[in-house]
Each structure stands twice: as C-alpha cells, then as structure tokens.
PDB file of N, CA and C in Angstrom:
ATOM      1  N   MET A   1     -23.117  16.897 -15.431  1.00  0.00           N
ATOM      2  CA  MET A   1     -23.916  16.184 -14.454  1.00  0.00           C
ATOM      3  C   MET A   1     -22.992  15.650 -13.365  1.00  0.00           C
ATOM      4  N   PRO A   2     -23.288  15.915 -12.094  1.00  0.00           N
ATOM      5  CA  PRO A   2     -22.417  15.463 -11.012  1.00  0.00           C
ATOM      6  C   PRO A   2     -22.430  13.945 -10.866  1.00  0.00           C
ATOM      7  N   THR A   3     -21.304  13.431 -10.418  1.00  0.00           N
ATOM      8  CA  THR A   3     -21.187  11.993 -10.173  1.00  0.00           C
ATOM      9  C   THR A   3     -21.868  11.665  -8.857  1.00  0.00           C
ATOM     10  N   VAL A   4     -22.664  10.631  -8.870  1.00  0.00           N
ATOM     11  CA  VAL A   4     -23.350  10.201  -7.655  1.00  0.00           C
ATOM     12  C   VAL A   4     -22.629   8.973  -7.122  1.00  0.00           C
ATOM     13  N   GLU A   5     -22.131   9.097  -5.893  1.00  0.00           N
ATOM     14  CA  GLU A   5     -21.460   7.958  -5.284  1.00  0.00           C
ATOM     15  C   GLU A   5     -22.487   7.059  -4.621  1.00  0.00           C
ATOM     16  N   ARG A   6     -22.252   5.775  -4.763  1.00  0.00           N
ATOM     17  CA  ARG A   6     -23.142   4.820  -4.111  1.00  0.00           C
ATOM     18  C   ARG A   6     -22.811   4.746  -2.632  1.00  0.00           C
ATOM     19  N   PRO A   7     -23.827   4.596  -1.805  1.00  0.00           N
ATOM     20  CA  PRO A   7     -23.543   4.441  -0.382  1.00  0.00           C
ATOM     21  C   PRO A   7     -22.797   3.124  -0.153  1.00  0.00           C
ATOM     22  N   VAL A   8     -21.860   3.159   0.761  1.00  0.00           N
ATOM     23  CA  VAL A   8     -21.086   1.967   1.080  1.00  0.00           C
ATOM     24  C   VAL A   8     -21.526   1.494   2.453  1.00  0.00           C
ATOM     25  N   ASP A   9     -21.809   0.199   2.559  1.00  0.00           N
ATOM     26  CA  ASP A   9     -22.287  -0.309   3.837  1.00  0.00           C
ATOM     27  C   ASP A   9     -21.158  -0.347   4.867  1.00  0.00           C
ATOM     28  N   THR A  10     -21.543  -0.411   6.115  1.00  0.00           N
ATOM     29  CA  THR A  10     -20.593  -0.369   7.234  1.00  0.00           C
ATOM     30  C   THR A  10     -19.583  -1.508   7.168  1.00  0.00           C
ATOM     31  N   ALA A  11     -20.020  -2.690   6.816  1.00  0.00           N
ATOM     32  CA  ALA A  11     -19.103  -3.835   6.745  1.00  0.00           C
ATOM     33  C   ALA A  11     -18.028  -3.619   5.681  1.00  0.00           C
ATOM     34  N   THR A  12     -18.427  -3.063   4.556  1.00  0.00           N
ATOM     35  CA  THR A  12     -17.466  -2.787   3.485  1.00  0.00           C
ATOM     36  C   THR A  12     -16.460  -1.730   3.926  1.00  0.00           C
ATOM     37  N   LEU A  13     -16.943  -0.673   4.557  1.00  0.00           N
ATOM     38  CA  LEU A  13     -16.044   0.371   5.049  1.00  0.00           C
ATOM     39  C   LEU A  13     -15.063  -0.185   6.069  1.00  0.00           C
ATOM     40  N   GLU A  14     -15.537  -1.029   6.962  1.00  0.00           N
ATOM     41  CA  GLU A  14     -14.651  -1.608   7.969  1.00  0.00           C
ATOM     42  C   GLU A  14     -13.622  -2.531   7.324  1.00  0.00           C
ATOM     43  N   ARG A  15     -14.020  -3.271   6.328  1.00  0.00           N
ATOM     44  CA  ARG A  15     -13.078  -4.143   5.607  1.00  0.00           C
ATOM     45  C   ARG A  15     -12.007  -3.295   4.917  1.00  0.00           C
ATOM     46  N   GLN A  16     -12.423  -2.193   4.306  1.00  0.00           N
ATOM     47  CA  GLN A  16     -11.466  -1.292   3.672  1.00  0.00           C
ATOM     48  C   GLN A  16     -10.506  -0.700   4.696  1.00  0.00           C
ATOM     49  N   ARG A  17     -11.044  -0.253   5.822  1.00  0.00           N
ATOM     50  CA  ARG A  17     -10.192   0.309   6.882  1.00  0.00           C
ATOM     51  C   ARG A  17      -9.193  -0.733   7.380  1.00  0.00           C
ATOM     52  N   ALA A  18      -9.653  -1.960   7.548  1.00  0.00           N
ATOM     53  CA  ALA A  18      -8.763  -3.027   8.027  1.00  0.00           C
ATOM     54  C   ALA A  18      -7.640  -3.286   7.027  1.00  0.00           C
ATOM     55  N   ARG A  19      -7.966  -3.277   5.756  1.00  0.00           N
ATOM     56  CA  ARG A  19      -6.930  -3.495   4.730  1.00  0.00           C
ATOM     57  C   ARG A  19      -5.944  -2.332   4.691  1.00  0.00           C
ATOM     58  N   ILE A  20      -6.433  -1.127   4.871  1.00  0.00           N
ATOM     59  CA  ILE A  20      -5.546   0.040   4.891  1.00  0.00           C
ATOM     60  C   ILE A  20      -4.639  -0.021   6.120  1.00  0.00           C
ATOM     61  N   ARG A  21      -5.193  -0.389   7.283  1.00  0.00           N
ATOM     62  CA  ARG A  21      -4.370  -0.519   8.490  1.00  0.00           C
ATOM     63  C   ARG A  21      -3.318  -1.607   8.318  1.00  0.00           C
ATOM     64  N   ALA A  22      -3.692  -2.711   7.678  1.00  0.00           N
ATOM     65  CA  ALA A  22      -2.731  -3.789   7.429  1.00  0.00           C
ATOM     66  C   ALA A  22      -1.612  -3.301   6.517  1.00  0.00           C
ATOM     67  N   ALA A  23      -1.966  -2.536   5.496  1.00  0.00           N
ATOM     68  CA  ALA A  23      -0.946  -1.991   4.592  1.00  0.00           C
ATOM     69  C   ALA A  23      -0.029  -1.037   5.349  1.00  0.00           C
ATOM     70  N   GLN A  24      -0.592  -0.256   6.228  1.00  0.00           N
ATOM     71  CA  GLN A  24       0.209   0.671   7.027  1.00  0.00           C
ATOM     72  C   GLN A  24       1.196  -0.101   7.904  1.00  0.00           C
ATOM     73  N   ALA A  25       0.742  -1.182   8.518  1.00  0.00           N
ATOM     74  CA  ALA A  25       1.621  -2.003   9.358  1.00  0.00           C
ATOM     75  C   ALA A  25       2.719  -2.663   8.531  1.00  0.00           C
ATOM     76  N   ARG A  26       2.360  -3.162   7.341  1.00  0.00           N
ATOM     77  CA  ARG A  26       3.355  -3.805   6.468  1.00  0.00           C
ATOM     78  C   ARG A  26       4.375  -2.784   5.979  1.00  0.00           C
ATOM     79  N   LEU A  27       3.931  -1.558   5.682  1.00  0.00           N
ATOM     80  CA  LEU A  27       4.874  -0.508   5.267  1.00  0.00           C
ATOM     81  C   LEU A  27       5.830  -0.155   6.402  1.00  0.00           C
ATOM     82  N   ALA A  28       5.306  -0.081   7.630  1.00  0.00           N
ATOM     83  CA  ALA A  28       6.168   0.205   8.782  1.00  0.00           C
ATOM     84  C   ALA A  28       7.204  -0.906   8.955  1.00  0.00           C
ATOM     85  N   ALA A  29       6.784  -2.157   8.782  1.00  0.00           N
ATOM     86  CA  ALA A  29       7.716  -3.281   8.881  1.00  0.00           C
ATOM     87  C   ALA A  29       8.766  -3.207   7.770  1.00  0.00           C
ATOM     88  N   PHE A  30       8.348  -2.810   6.589  1.00  0.00           N
ATOM     89  CA  PHE A  30       9.280  -2.667   5.477  1.00  0.00           C
ATOM     90  C   PHE A  30      10.336  -1.611   5.790  1.00  0.00           C
ATOM     91  N   ILE A  31       9.920  -0.490   6.305  1.00  0.00           N
ATOM     92  CA  ILE A  31      10.859   0.590   6.625  1.00  0.00           C
ATOM     93  C   ILE A  31      11.862   0.131   7.681  1.00  0.00           C
ATOM     94  N   ALA A  32      11.422  -0.713   8.609  1.00  0.00           N
ATOM     95  CA  ALA A  32      12.298  -1.211   9.667  1.00  0.00           C
ATOM     96  C   ALA A  32      13.056  -2.474   9.268  1.00  0.00           C
ATOM     97  N   SER A  33      12.847  -2.965   8.058  1.00  0.00           N
ATOM     98  CA  SER A  33      13.445  -4.238   7.650  1.00  0.00           C
ATOM     99  C   SER A  33      14.964  -4.160   7.558  1.00  0.00           C
ATOM    100  N   THR A  34      15.561  -5.341   7.601  1.00  0.00           N
ATOM    101  CA  THR A  34      17.018  -5.464   7.524  1.00  0.00           C
ATOM    102  C   THR A  34      17.369  -6.267   6.275  1.00  0.00           C
ATOM    103  N   ALA A  35      18.647  -6.406   6.018  1.00  0.00           N
ATOM    104  CA  ALA A  35      19.098  -7.180   4.861  1.00  0.00           C
ATOM    105  C   ALA A  35      18.577  -8.607   4.923  1.00  0.00           C
ATOM    106  N   ALA A  36      18.403  -9.127   6.119  1.00  0.00           N
ATOM    107  CA  ALA A  36      17.960 -10.511   6.283  1.00  0.00           C
ATOM    108  C   ALA A  36      16.508 -10.727   5.858  1.00  0.00           C
ATOM    109  N   ASP A  37      15.678  -9.712   5.973  1.00  0.00           N
ATOM    110  CA  ASP A  37      14.252  -9.921   5.698  1.00  0.00           C
ATOM    111  C   ASP A  37      13.629  -8.944   4.707  1.00  0.00           C
ATOM    112  N   VAL A  38      14.429  -8.086   4.089  1.00  0.00           N
ATOM    113  CA  VAL A  38      13.873  -7.035   3.238  1.00  0.00           C
ATOM    114  C   VAL A  38      13.059  -7.585   2.070  1.00  0.00           C
ATOM    115  N   ASP A  39      13.497  -8.647   1.432  1.00  0.00           N
ATOM    116  CA  ASP A  39      12.744  -9.183   0.295  1.00  0.00           C
ATOM    117  C   ASP A  39      11.365  -9.688   0.722  1.00  0.00           C
ATOM    118  N   GLU A  40      11.329 -10.451   1.787  1.00  0.00           N
ATOM    119  CA  GLU A  40      10.057 -10.997   2.283  1.00  0.00           C
ATOM    120  C   GLU A  40       9.117  -9.874   2.722  1.00  0.00           C
ATOM    121  N   VAL A  41       9.644  -8.937   3.495  1.00  0.00           N
ATOM    122  CA  VAL A  41       8.822  -7.852   4.025  1.00  0.00           C
ATOM    123  C   VAL A  41       8.342  -6.927   2.902  1.00  0.00           C
ATOM    124  N   ALA A  42       9.185  -6.673   1.910  1.00  0.00           N
ATOM    125  CA  ALA A  42       8.766  -5.846   0.768  1.00  0.00           C
ATOM    126  C   ALA A  42       7.627  -6.519   0.016  1.00  0.00           C
ATOM    127  N   GLY A  43       7.729  -7.818  -0.191  1.00  0.00           N
ATOM    128  CA  GLY A  43       6.664  -8.553  -0.872  1.00  0.00           C
ATOM    129  C   GLY A  43       5.355  -8.508  -0.099  1.00  0.00           C
ATOM    130  N   GLU A  44       5.448  -8.644   1.221  1.00  0.00           N
ATOM    131  CA  GLU A  44       4.244  -8.569   2.061  1.00  0.00           C
ATOM    132  C   GLU A  44       3.620  -7.178   1.997  1.00  0.00           C
ATOM    133  N   ALA A  45       4.457  -6.155   1.997  1.00  0.00           N
ATOM    134  CA  ALA A  45       3.939  -4.785   1.930  1.00  0.00           C
ATOM    135  C   ALA A  45       3.286  -4.509   0.577  1.00  0.00           C
ATOM    136  N   GLU A  46       3.915  -4.983  -0.499  1.00  0.00           N
ATOM    137  CA  GLU A  46       3.312  -4.806  -1.827  1.00  0.00           C
ATOM    138  C   GLU A  46       1.958  -5.498  -1.901  1.00  0.00           C
ATOM    139  N   ALA A  47       1.868  -6.711  -1.371  1.00  0.00           N
ATOM    140  CA  ALA A  47       0.597  -7.448  -1.374  1.00  0.00           C
ATOM    141  C   ALA A  47      -0.456  -6.714  -0.546  1.00  0.00           C
ATOM    142  N   ALA A  48      -0.050  -6.169   0.590  1.00  0.00           N
ATOM    143  CA  ALA A  48      -0.991  -5.437   1.444  1.00  0.00           C
ATOM    144  C   ALA A  48      -1.482  -4.161   0.757  1.00  0.00           C
ATOM    145  N   LEU A  49      -0.605  -3.493   0.028  1.00  0.00           N
ATOM    146  CA  LEU A  49      -1.025  -2.298  -0.720  1.00  0.00           C
ATOM    147  C   LEU A  49      -2.017  -2.664  -1.813  1.00  0.00           C
ATOM    148  N   ARG A  50      -1.739  -3.750  -2.535  1.00  0.00           N
ATOM    149  CA  ARG A  50      -2.689  -4.198  -3.574  1.00  0.00           C
ATOM    150  C   ARG A  50      -4.040  -4.549  -2.957  1.00  0.00           C
ATOM    151  N   ALA A  51      -4.016  -5.226  -1.808  1.00  0.00           N
ATOM    152  CA  ALA A  51      -5.267  -5.609  -1.143  1.00  0.00           C
ATOM    153  C   ALA A  51      -6.051  -4.374  -0.698  1.00  0.00           C
ATOM    154  N   ALA A  52      -5.355  -3.378  -0.194  1.00  0.00           N
ATOM    155  CA  ALA A  52      -6.036  -2.159   0.253  1.00  0.00           C
ATOM    156  C   ALA A  52      -6.711  -1.449  -0.918  1.00  0.00           C
ATOM    157  N   VAL A  53      -5.994  -1.332  -2.018  1.00  0.00           N
ATOM    158  CA  VAL A  53      -6.566  -0.663  -3.197  1.00  0.00           C
ATOM    159  C   VAL A  53      -7.724  -1.480  -3.766  1.00  0.00           C
ATOM    160  N   SER A  54      -7.555  -2.797  -3.849  1.00  0.00           N
ATOM    161  CA  SER A  54      -8.599  -3.633  -4.452  1.00  0.00           C
ATOM    162  C   SER A  54      -9.794  -3.852  -3.528  1.00  0.00           C
ATOM    163  N   SER A  55      -9.702  -3.409  -2.290  1.00  0.00           N
ATOM    164  CA  SER A  55     -10.825  -3.546  -1.356  1.00  0.00           C
ATOM    165  C   SER A  55     -11.979  -2.626  -1.733  1.00  0.00           C
ATOM    166  N   GLY A  56     -11.725  -1.745  -2.683  1.00  0.00           N
ATOM    167  CA  GLY A  56     -12.742  -0.775  -3.073  1.00  0.00           C
ATOM    168  C   GLY A  56     -12.428   0.619  -2.541  1.00  0.00           C
ATOM    169  N   ALA A  57     -11.394   0.711  -1.712  1.00  0.00           N
ATOM    170  CA  ALA A  57     -11.023   2.020  -1.165  1.00  0.00           C
ATOM    171  C   ALA A  57     -10.442   2.913  -2.253  1.00  0.00           C
ATOM    172  N   GLY A  58      -9.770   2.319  -3.226  1.00  0.00           N
ATOM    173  CA  GLY A  58      -9.223   3.076  -4.341  1.00  0.00           C
ATOM    174  C   GLY A  58      -7.887   3.726  -4.034  1.00  0.00           C
ATOM    175  N   VAL A  59      -7.183   4.063  -5.089  1.00  0.00           N
ATOM    176  CA  VAL A  59      -5.840   4.629  -4.973  1.00  0.00           C
ATOM    177  C   VAL A  59      -5.842   5.956  -4.219  1.00  0.00           C
ATOM    178  N   GLU A  60      -6.770   6.830  -4.526  1.00  0.00           N
ATOM    179  CA  GLU A  60      -6.771   8.167  -3.907  1.00  0.00           C
ATOM    180  C   GLU A  60      -6.927   8.076  -2.392  1.00  0.00           C
ATOM    181  N   ARG A  61      -7.878   7.287  -1.926  1.00  0.00           N
ATOM    182  CA  ARG A  61      -8.110   7.180  -0.479  1.00  0.00           C
ATOM    183  C   ARG A  61      -6.946   6.493   0.215  1.00  0.00           C
ATOM    184  N   VAL A  62      -6.475   5.383  -0.359  1.00  0.00           N
ATOM    185  CA  VAL A  62      -5.372   4.649   0.261  1.00  0.00           C
ATOM    186  C   VAL A  62      -4.135   5.538   0.312  1.00  0.00           C
ATOM    187  N   SER A  63      -3.832   6.217  -0.772  1.00  0.00           N
ATOM    188  CA  SER A  63      -2.637   7.075  -0.789  1.00  0.00           C
ATOM    189  C   SER A  63      -2.763   8.199   0.237  1.00  0.00           C
ATOM    190  N   ALA A  64      -3.942   8.763   0.382  1.00  0.00           N
ATOM    191  CA  ALA A  64      -4.141   9.833   1.360  1.00  0.00           C
ATOM    192  C   ALA A  64      -3.962   9.309   2.784  1.00  0.00           C
ATOM    193  N   GLU A  65      -4.546   8.173   3.074  1.00  0.00           N
ATOM    194  CA  GLU A  65      -4.460   7.638   4.434  1.00  0.00           C
ATOM    195  C   GLU A  65      -3.056   7.154   4.780  1.00  0.00           C
ATOM    196  N   LEU A  66      -2.300   6.706   3.787  1.00  0.00           N
ATOM    197  CA  LEU A  66      -0.941   6.223   4.037  1.00  0.00           C
ATOM    198  C   LEU A  66       0.116   7.296   3.772  1.00  0.00           C
ATOM    199  N   GLU A  67      -0.338   8.477   3.349  1.00  0.00           N
ATOM    200  CA  GLU A  67       0.555   9.592   3.038  1.00  0.00           C
ATOM    201  C   GLU A  67       1.591   9.216   1.978  1.00  0.00           C
ATOM    202  N   LEU A  68       1.099   8.563   0.929  1.00  0.00           N
ATOM    203  CA  LEU A  68       1.905   8.215  -0.245  1.00  0.00           C
ATOM    204  C   LEU A  68       1.345   8.983  -1.432  1.00  0.00           C
ATOM    205  N   SER A  69       2.175   9.265  -2.391  1.00  0.00           N
ATOM    206  CA  SER A  69       1.633   9.917  -3.574  1.00  0.00           C
ATOM    207  C   SER A  69       0.818   8.882  -4.354  1.00  0.00           C
ATOM    208  N   PRO A  70      -0.292   9.307  -4.946  1.00  0.00           N
ATOM    209  CA  PRO A  70      -1.090   8.378  -5.742  1.00  0.00           C
ATOM    210  C   PRO A  70      -0.278   7.754  -6.875  1.00  0.00           C
ATOM    211  N   ARG A  71       0.590   8.544  -7.460  1.00  0.00           N
ATOM    212  CA  ARG A  71       1.415   8.045  -8.567  1.00  0.00           C
ATOM    213  C   ARG A  71       2.349   6.920  -8.092  1.00  0.00           C
ATOM    214  N   ALA A  72       2.991   7.121  -6.943  1.00  0.00           N
ATOM    215  CA  ALA A  72       3.881   6.088  -6.394  1.00  0.00           C
ATOM    216  C   ALA A  72       3.082   4.840  -6.034  1.00  0.00           C
ATOM    217  N   LEU A  73       1.933   5.023  -5.412  1.00  0.00           N
ATOM    218  CA  LEU A  73       1.107   3.874  -5.034  1.00  0.00           C
ATOM    219  C   LEU A  73       0.683   3.086  -6.267  1.00  0.00           C
ATOM    220  N   ARG A  74       0.231   3.774  -7.308  1.00  0.00           N
ATOM    221  CA  ARG A  74      -0.157   3.087  -8.548  1.00  0.00           C
ATOM    222  C   ARG A  74       1.010   2.280  -9.119  1.00  0.00           C
ATOM    223  N   ALA A  75       2.198   2.874  -9.116  1.00  0.00           N
ATOM    224  CA  ALA A  75       3.381   2.202  -9.664  1.00  0.00           C
ATOM    225  C   ALA A  75       3.736   0.952  -8.861  1.00  0.00           C
ATOM    226  N   ILE A  76       3.596   1.018  -7.551  1.00  0.00           N
ATOM    227  CA  ILE A  76       3.881  -0.148  -6.706  1.00  0.00           C
ATOM    228  C   ILE A  76       2.821  -1.219  -6.924  1.00  0.00           C
ATOM    229  N   VAL A  77       1.567  -0.810  -6.929  1.00  0.00           N
ATOM    230  CA  VAL A  77       0.459  -1.762  -7.078  1.00  0.00           C
ATOM    231  C   VAL A  77       0.487  -2.444  -8.439  1.00  0.00           C
ATOM    232  N   ASP A  78       0.804  -1.696  -9.496  1.00  0.00           N
ATOM    233  CA  ASP A  78       0.819  -2.324 -10.827  1.00  0.00           C
ATOM    234  C   ASP A  78       2.129  -3.045 -11.132  1.00  0.00           C
ATOM    235  N   GLY A  79       3.098  -2.947 -10.211  1.00  0.00           N
ATOM    236  CA  GLY A  79       4.342  -3.694 -10.364  1.00  0.00           C
ATOM    237  C   GLY A  79       5.408  -3.013 -11.195  1.00  0.00           C
ATOM    238  N   SER A  80       5.161  -1.788 -11.636  1.00  0.00           N
ATOM    239  CA  SER A  80       6.180  -1.120 -12.449  1.00  0.00           C
ATOM    240  C   SER A  80       7.332  -0.584 -11.596  1.00  0.00           C
ATOM    241  N   VAL A  81       7.105  -0.449 -10.295  1.00  0.00           N
ATOM    242  CA  VAL A  81       8.164  -0.070  -9.357  1.00  0.00           C
ATOM    243  C   VAL A  81       8.137  -1.058  -8.202  1.00  0.00           C
ATOM    244  N   ARG A  82       9.293  -1.639  -7.924  1.00  0.00           N
ATOM    245  CA  ARG A  82       9.386  -2.545  -6.763  1.00  0.00           C
ATOM    246  C   ARG A  82       9.570  -1.702  -5.517  1.00  0.00           C
ATOM    247  N   LEU A  83       8.828  -2.037  -4.489  1.00  0.00           N
ATOM    248  CA  LEU A  83       8.899  -1.288  -3.244  1.00  0.00           C
ATOM    249  C   LEU A  83      10.322  -1.274  -2.698  1.00  0.00           C
ATOM    250  N   ARG A  84      11.023  -2.374  -2.840  1.00  0.00           N
ATOM    251  CA  ARG A  84      12.388  -2.441  -2.316  1.00  0.00           C
ATOM    252  C   ARG A  84      13.266  -1.329  -2.883  1.00  0.00           C
ATOM    253  N   SER A  85      13.032  -0.939  -4.108  1.00  0.00           N
ATOM    254  CA  SER A  85      13.851   0.118  -4.722  1.00  0.00           C
ATOM    255  C   SER A  85      13.637   1.470  -4.051  1.00  0.00           C
ATOM    256  N   LEU A  86      12.632   1.570  -3.186  1.00  0.00           N
ATOM    257  CA  LEU A  86      12.330   2.811  -2.484  1.00  0.00           C
ATOM    258  C   LEU A  86      12.732   2.761  -1.007  1.00  0.00           C
ATOM    259  N   HIS A  87      13.434   1.698  -0.610  1.00  0.00           N
ATOM    260  CA  HIS A  87      13.803   1.547   0.807  1.00  0.00           C
ATOM    261  C   HIS A  87      14.606   2.753   1.279  1.00  0.00           C
ATOM    262  N   PRO A  88      14.329   3.239   2.501  1.00  0.00           N
ATOM    263  CA  PRO A  88      15.054   4.407   2.997  1.00  0.00           C
ATOM    264  C   PRO A  88      16.559   4.161   3.200  1.00  0.00           C
ATOM    265  N   ASP A  89      16.954   2.907   3.383  1.00  0.00           N
ATOM    266  CA  ASP A  89      18.368   2.567   3.525  1.00  0.00           C
ATOM    267  C   ASP A  89      18.912   2.199   2.152  1.00  0.00           C
ATOM    268  N   GLU A  90      19.727   3.057   1.581  1.00  0.00           N
ATOM    269  CA  GLU A  90      20.264   2.848   0.224  1.00  0.00           C
ATOM    270  C   GLU A  90      20.846   1.449   0.030  1.00  0.00           C
ATOM    271  N   ARG A  91      21.474   0.925   1.050  1.00  0.00           N
ATOM    272  CA  ARG A  91      22.136  -0.375   0.938  1.00  0.00           C
ATOM    273  C   ARG A  91      21.148  -1.508   0.702  1.00  0.00           C
ATOM    274  N   LEU A  92      19.896  -1.293   1.042  1.00  0.00           N
ATOM    275  CA  LEU A  92      18.883  -2.341   0.879  1.00  0.00           C
ATOM    276  C   LEU A  92      18.052  -2.175  -0.397  1.00  0.00           C
ATOM    277  N   ARG A  93      18.357  -1.185  -1.203  1.00  0.00           N
ATOM    278  CA  ARG A  93      17.570  -0.926  -2.421  1.00  0.00           C
ATOM    279  C   ARG A  93      17.928  -1.835  -3.583  1.00  0.00           C
ATOM    280  N   SER A  94      19.097  -2.418  -3.586  1.00  0.00           N
ATOM    281  CA  SER A  94      19.503  -3.223  -4.742  1.00  0.00           C
ATOM    282  C   SER A  94      18.553  -4.382  -4.939  1.00  0.00           C
ATOM    283  N   VAL A  95      18.388  -4.736  -6.175  1.00  0.00           N
ATOM    284  CA  VAL A  95      17.439  -5.799  -6.528  1.00  0.00           C
ATOM    285  C   VAL A  95      18.167  -7.091  -6.793  1.00  0.00           C
TER     286      VAL A  95
END
C-alpha cells in the first residue's frame, strides 16, 4: 500500500524553508570561520541544522537542499560527530 503524505500548509513550508536557509547561512559562516570564532560558529551551525531537521523538513530534504549526505547530517544532528571535526581547514579541526 503506498504511503500517503499529508498536505503541508504554506506557513509550515515557509517556516521549513526559512530554517533551511538559516542552516545554509550558518554552514557558510562555519566554512569561513577562523581560529578565533570556530567553536561559536560551529555550535551555531549545529543548532541551525537541528532546527532545520526538526522543523518537519526531515533529514532527506535538508540534506538534499544543503548538498550534505544524509548520513553526515544525521551524525551532526544527533551529536555523534562534531561539525568542527569536519572543518575544511585541518588546523581548525582539533577539539
């Protein structure tokens, strides 16, 4: 039997889009972060990713829109991987 998705109202969709855009902005800030602010910015990005997923958009949609693997997103959201450990600058990955 096929799964029937419930219709999502416009306000909910816009809230989800806003949370995804916020996560995208926080991820961009994280990538541009320096040694002086990497911890703070990583924490903000992790919180924004959790908010995007918990908005009802779900891991699959958020990962697709942010071009992240669903597995990596789940690991960041559940806290098993710290975002800082994935920083593009090796020098900023230490915990």
